[in-house]
Amino acid sequence: MISPEITQFLYKAAASAGVGVVMAIILWPFRKARKEWTALKEEQASIHAELVTQRTNCLTTLQRQGDTQIELLTKVAGSLENIALSQAEMTGFCKANACSPARIRPRARKK
């Protein structure tokens, strides 16, 4: 038969394997949770990096467009000022014509 030393060794090996399987089963949810936690942290870091990139691009674009917008706003303000002056001149002209004596047109006579 099998010698007692080998039998004792097989019992110890089976017990170690059993404890290992039980420990693996117990630790499996923790390993799964740790893996998901790591994935979430990496995803959060990538989202943060993307948001920083978008913010930087937006600020750069706004800074680049700022000078052009100021120039265009200056042109618009000048145009509006000219329109306001022209409108004031036209209003004065209309008031002057309204105060002048009305011309009476002779009636056309029937023939």
Protein backbone atom coordinates (compact mmCIF):
# COMPACT_ATOMS: atom_id res chain seq x y z
CA MET A 1 0.00 0.00 0.00
CA ILE A 2 0.89 3.67 0.26
CA SER A 3 3.40 4.57 2.89
CA PRO A 4 2.18 6.75 5.78
CA GLU A 5 4.60 9.57 4.86
CA ILE A 6 3.12 9.83 1.37
CA THR A 7 -0.43 9.67 2.76
CA GLN A 8 0.36 12.43 5.24
CA PHE A 9 1.91 14.48 2.43
CA LEU A 10 -1.19 13.95 0.23
CA TYR A 11 -3.49 15.06 3.08
CA LYS A 12 -1.43 18.19 3.61
CA ALA A 13 -1.41 18.90 -0.14
CA ALA A 14 -5.19 18.39 -0.37
CA ALA A 15 -5.76 20.63 2.65
CA SER A 16 -3.51 23.32 1.16
CA ALA A 17 -5.32 23.07 -2.17
CA GLY A 18 -8.70 23.28 -0.41
CA VAL A 19 -7.64 26.34 1.59
CA GLY A 20 -6.30 27.92 -1.59
CA VAL A 21 -9.59 27.32 -3.43
CA VAL A 22 -11.61 28.70 -0.51
CA MET A 23 -9.36 31.77 -0.30
CA ALA A 24 -9.64 32.31 -4.06
CA ILE A 25 -13.43 32.14 -3.84
CA ILE A 26 -13.45 34.58 -0.90
CA LEU A 27 -11.02 37.01 -2.55
CA TRP A 28 -12.63 36.89 -6.03
CA PRO A 29 -15.22 39.68 -5.36
CA PHE A 30 -12.52 41.89 -3.88
CA ARG A 31 -10.26 41.40 -6.89
CA LYS A 32 -13.20 42.09 -9.22
CA ALA A 33 -14.08 45.25 -7.28
CA ARG A 34 -10.46 46.40 -7.33
CA LYS A 35 -10.26 45.87 -11.09
CA GLU A 36 -13.47 47.87 -11.64
CA TRP A 37 -12.23 50.61 -9.28
CA THR A 38 -9.00 50.87 -11.26
CA ALA A 39 -10.96 51.03 -14.54
CA LEU A 40 -13.20 53.79 -13.16
CA LYS A 41 -10.23 55.81 -11.95
CA GLU A 42 -8.56 55.51 -15.37
CA GLU A 43 -11.78 56.56 -17.08
CA GLN A 44 -12.12 59.53 -14.74
CA ALA A 45 -8.53 60.55 -15.45
CA SER A 46 -9.11 60.34 -19.21
CA ILE A 47 -12.32 62.41 -18.92
CA HIS A 48 -10.44 65.00 -16.87
CA ALA A 49 -7.67 65.17 -19.44
CA GLU A 50 -10.22 65.60 -22.26
CA LEU A 51 -12.01 68.40 -20.38
CA VAL A 52 -8.73 70.19 -19.75
CA THR A 53 -7.90 69.92 -23.45
CA GLN A 54 -11.32 71.25 -24.47
CA ARG A 55 -11.07 74.15 -22.01
CA THR A 56 -7.61 75.02 -23.25
CA ASN A 57 -8.75 74.91 -26.88
CA CYS A 58 -11.80 77.06 -26.08
CA LEU A 59 -9.77 79.67 -24.23
CA THR A 60 -7.18 79.77 -27.01
CA THR A 61 -9.92 80.24 -29.62
CA LEU A 62 -11.59 82.99 -27.60
CA GLN A 63 -8.28 84.73 -27.10
CA ARG A 64 -7.52 84.52 -30.82
CA GLN A 65 -10.98 85.79 -31.76
CA GLY A 66 -10.94 88.56 -29.16
CA ASP A 67 -8.94 91.04 -31.26
CA THR A 68 -11.08 90.38 -34.33
CA GLN A 69 -14.28 90.82 -32.32
CA ILE A 70 -13.07 94.10 -30.84
CA GLU A 71 -12.24 95.37 -34.32
CA LEU A 72 -15.65 94.33 -35.66
CA LEU A 73 -17.47 95.87 -32.70
CA THR A 74 -15.61 99.13 -33.29
CA LYS A 75 -16.76 99.13 -36.93
CA VAL A 76 -20.35 98.40 -35.89
CA ALA A 77 -20.28 101.20 -33.32
CA GLY A 78 -18.99 103.61 -35.95
CA SER A 79 -21.68 102.54 -38.40
CA LEU A 80 -24.40 102.95 -35.78
CA GLU A 81 -23.07 106.40 -34.92
CA ASN A 82 -23.23 107.41 -38.59
CA ILE A 83 -26.76 106.02 -38.85
CA ALA A 84 -27.80 107.97 -35.74
CA LEU A 85 -26.35 111.21 -37.18
CA SER A 86 -28.05 110.58 -40.51
CA GLN A 87 -31.35 109.85 -38.78
CA ALA A 88 -31.09 113.05 -36.71
CA GLU A 89 -30.40 115.02 -39.88
CA MET A 90 -33.38 113.42 -41.62
CA THR A 91 -35.64 114.10 -38.62
CA GLY A 92 -34.60 117.75 -38.64
CA PHE A 93 -35.28 117.96 -42.37
CA CYS A 94 -38.73 116.43 -41.93
CA LYS A 95 -39.57 118.81 -39.07
CA ALA A 96 -38.44 121.77 -41.14
CA ASN A 97 -40.67 120.69 -44.02
CA ALA A 98 -43.60 120.08 -41.69
CA CYS A 99 -43.41 123.64 -40.33
CA SER A 100 -43.21 125.29 -43.74
CA PRO A 101 -46.44 126.68 -45.21
CA ALA A 102 -48.29 124.07 -47.15
CA ARG A 103 -48.42 124.56 -50.85
CA ILE A 104 -51.86 124.52 -52.23
CA ARG A 105 -52.02 122.89 -55.55
CA PRO A 106 -54.61 124.29 -57.87
CA ARG A 107 -57.37 121.89 -58.71
CA ALA A 108 -57.39 120.56 -62.12
CA ARG A 109 -60.43 121.91 -63.91
CA LYS A 110 -62.62 119.70 -65.89
CA LYS A 111 -62.78 120.51 -69.51
